[in-house]
Protein backbone atom coordinates (compact mmCIF):
# COMPACT_ATOMS: atom_id res chain seq x y z
CA UNK A 1 -0.04 0.00 -0.06
CA UNK A 2 1.25 3.48 -0.91
CA UNK A 3 0.20 6.46 0.93
CA UNK A 4 2.52 8.97 -0.50
CA UNK A 5 5.24 8.81 -3.05
CA UNK A 6 8.14 7.07 -1.45
CA UNK A 7 6.28 6.04 1.76
CA UNK A 8 4.72 2.78 2.23
CA UNK A 9 2.05 2.19 4.66
CA UNK A 10 4.38 0.20 7.20
CA UNK A 11 6.90 2.91 7.27
CA UNK A 12 4.26 5.59 7.84
CA UNK A 13 2.93 3.54 10.79
CA UNK A 14 6.43 3.19 12.08
CA UNK A 15 7.20 7.03 11.94
CA UNK A 16 3.91 7.71 13.55
CA UNK A 17 4.56 5.24 16.42
CA UNK A 18 7.78 6.81 17.17
CA UNK A 19 6.46 10.36 17.07
CA UNK A 20 3.95 9.25 19.66
CA UNK A 21 6.77 8.64 22.20
CA UNK A 22 8.19 12.17 21.77
CA UNK A 23 7.68 14.35 24.95
CA UNK A 24 4.68 16.57 24.80
CA UNK A 25 4.58 20.15 26.38
CA UNK A 26 2.21 20.08 29.34
CA UNK A 27 -0.02 22.78 30.42
CA UNK A 28 -0.17 23.82 34.10
CA UNK A 29 -3.45 22.73 35.77
CA UNK A 30 -5.67 25.42 37.15
CA UNK A 31 -5.57 25.96 40.92
CA UNK A 32 -8.58 26.22 43.22
CA UNK A 33 -9.13 29.87 44.23
CA UNK A 34 -12.24 29.27 46.40
CA UNK A 35 -15.27 27.12 46.97
CA UNK A 36 -18.79 28.88 46.57
CA UNK A 37 -22.10 27.85 47.67
CA UNK A 38 -25.43 29.24 46.24
CA UNK A 39 -28.72 28.58 47.95
CA UNK A 40 -32.34 29.36 46.99
CA UNK A 41 -35.02 28.91 49.79
CA UNK A 42 -38.22 26.91 49.27
CA UNK A 43 -41.21 26.26 51.48
CA UNK A 44 -41.70 22.93 52.89
CA UNK A 45 -44.87 23.28 55.16
CA UNK A 46 -46.42 26.37 56.62
CA UNK A 47 -43.55 28.72 57.44
CA UNK A 48 -40.74 26.17 57.34
CA UNK A 49 -38.17 27.04 54.84
CA UNK A 50 -35.33 24.86 53.61
CA UNK A 51 -32.69 25.77 50.83
CA UNK A 52 -31.75 24.02 47.66
CA UNK A 53 -27.85 24.55 47.13
CA UNK A 54 -25.32 24.14 44.59
CA UNK A 55 -21.67 24.13 45.42
CA UNK A 56 -19.07 25.44 42.93
CA UNK A 57 -15.14 25.45 42.74
CA UNK A 58 -13.72 28.58 41.35
CA UNK A 59 -10.39 28.09 39.55
CA UNK A 60 -7.68 30.83 39.01
CA UNK A 61 -8.15 30.63 35.37
CA UNK A 62 -11.93 32.00 35.69
CA UNK A 63 -13.74 28.78 35.29
CA UNK A 64 -16.25 27.60 37.65
CA UNK A 65 -17.14 23.78 38.20
CA UNK A 66 -20.38 22.52 39.94
CA UNK A 67 -19.27 20.12 42.54
CA UNK A 68 -22.65 19.16 44.28
CA UNK A 69 -26.28 19.64 44.82
CA UNK A 70 -28.00 19.30 48.14
CA UNK A 71 -30.66 20.68 50.43
CA UNK A 72 -30.40 22.32 53.90
CA UNK A 73 -33.11 22.07 56.54
CA UNK A 74 -34.24 25.05 58.84
CA UNK A 75 -31.45 24.01 61.19
CA UNK A 76 -28.74 24.17 58.52
CA UNK A 77 -28.24 20.47 58.28
CA UNK A 78 -27.53 19.27 54.87
CA UNK A 79 -29.52 16.34 53.27
CA UNK A 80 -30.01 14.87 49.74
CA UNK A 81 -32.72 16.24 47.52
């Protein structure tokens, strides 16, 4: 099989395999700046309010990632929705 003039399929595969072993420049991972929590109140019964919360991690490159969803009762205790 000929891929390009002068290159057989097996020699092309060999060059590709060797090039995969070459070191690759790595990028530095973003560092965590802070953990944020956003909560929205909702009524359970009568005048009892709980909160639906979402936690986020904020990175130094400006990105924000959701890390969890949970509820808080009227005493501040966390429970699964």
